[in-house]
Every structure is written in C-alpha cells, then in structure tokens.
Amino acid sequence: MENQAIFPGSFDPFTRGHEAVVLSALKLFDKVTIAIGVNSNKQYLFSLESRIEFIKQVFKQDSSKVEVVSFKGLTVDYCKENNIDFIVRGLRNTRDFQYEYEIANMNKSLQSKIETIFIATMPEHSAINSTIVREIYRNGGDVTSFIPEGSQLLK
C-alpha cells in the first residue's frame, strides 16, 4: 500500500509556493494527489481544465508520484473515498497556521483517521499567494517570478 497524501486547494493559479510544498511532501510520501476543489459559488480566473493541465505540466517529471484531480464536496469525503489518510497544507505565516489548524481540527472531527501535515514554506515564498498573483495578472503585471518555471498557463 502506498503512503500517500492529498494537497487540496483551488490553485488559481498554482504558485511557486504550492510547487515547493508538493516537492517537500514528496520527501514524506510515495504519492501526492493535488486535488483541485470545485466550488460553483466561486469565480475563477483560470478554467479548471487549464489549472489541471498546468499542474500536470509542472510535475511531468514526477507524474508517477504526483496525481492531479478535481473534486466536489468535502476534502475528508474525497480522502475517505480514495483511502487517503493525510492532508498536506502549506504555512506561510501564523495567520495561515491559525486558519489551517482550525480546519485540521474540523477535518479530524469529521473523519478521525485523517491527519493534517503542515509544511512551512521557504522564506522566499512566504509573500506569494494566489489572490495577489491573480490581481497582479489581471492588472497586466508580470507574474512569472511567482509561478513555476516554464509555465504555459499565462502565455
């Protein structure tokens, strides 16, 4: 049985910080599933299909260890349906910790065998978040230093 984890998020767009969290998680797990949550109430800048394709492109060298999927509903339900016991979350700062800690506790309440693993981001990624990257992109700014190298998403 594979030791695997899920890294859930909207990834709109997938940033260098996200990439670094996945690369760190691959040191701990045999397989990481990057799971893009679908929320019909949320307006995304990039289509679900383009986000999936972009992330697959980023990890094409690790395609046997990184899976990219989309899902609707609760992360813990996806975990239960797919026999995944670990959720990976990246932390940039103490605000992230507080927010993620509360979610981890709720997930644990809903599904007791779920464990959340927190991975601290590298200092150079601590200011990068998708909301800011989207805003820079919408206003014509250069976001290439905030997204993984060789990105086809923004071309």
Foldseek 3Di string as FASTA:
>chain_A
DWQEEEEEDQPLPPWPQNVVQVVVVVVVTQAYEYEHEDDPVDDGPDDPVLRQVQVCVLCVVPPVRYHYYYDYDDPLVVCVVVVHQEYEDEDLDVVSVVVVVVVQVVSCVVPVSHHYDYDYTDNVLSVDDSVVLVVCVVVPHDCQVTHDPPGPSSD
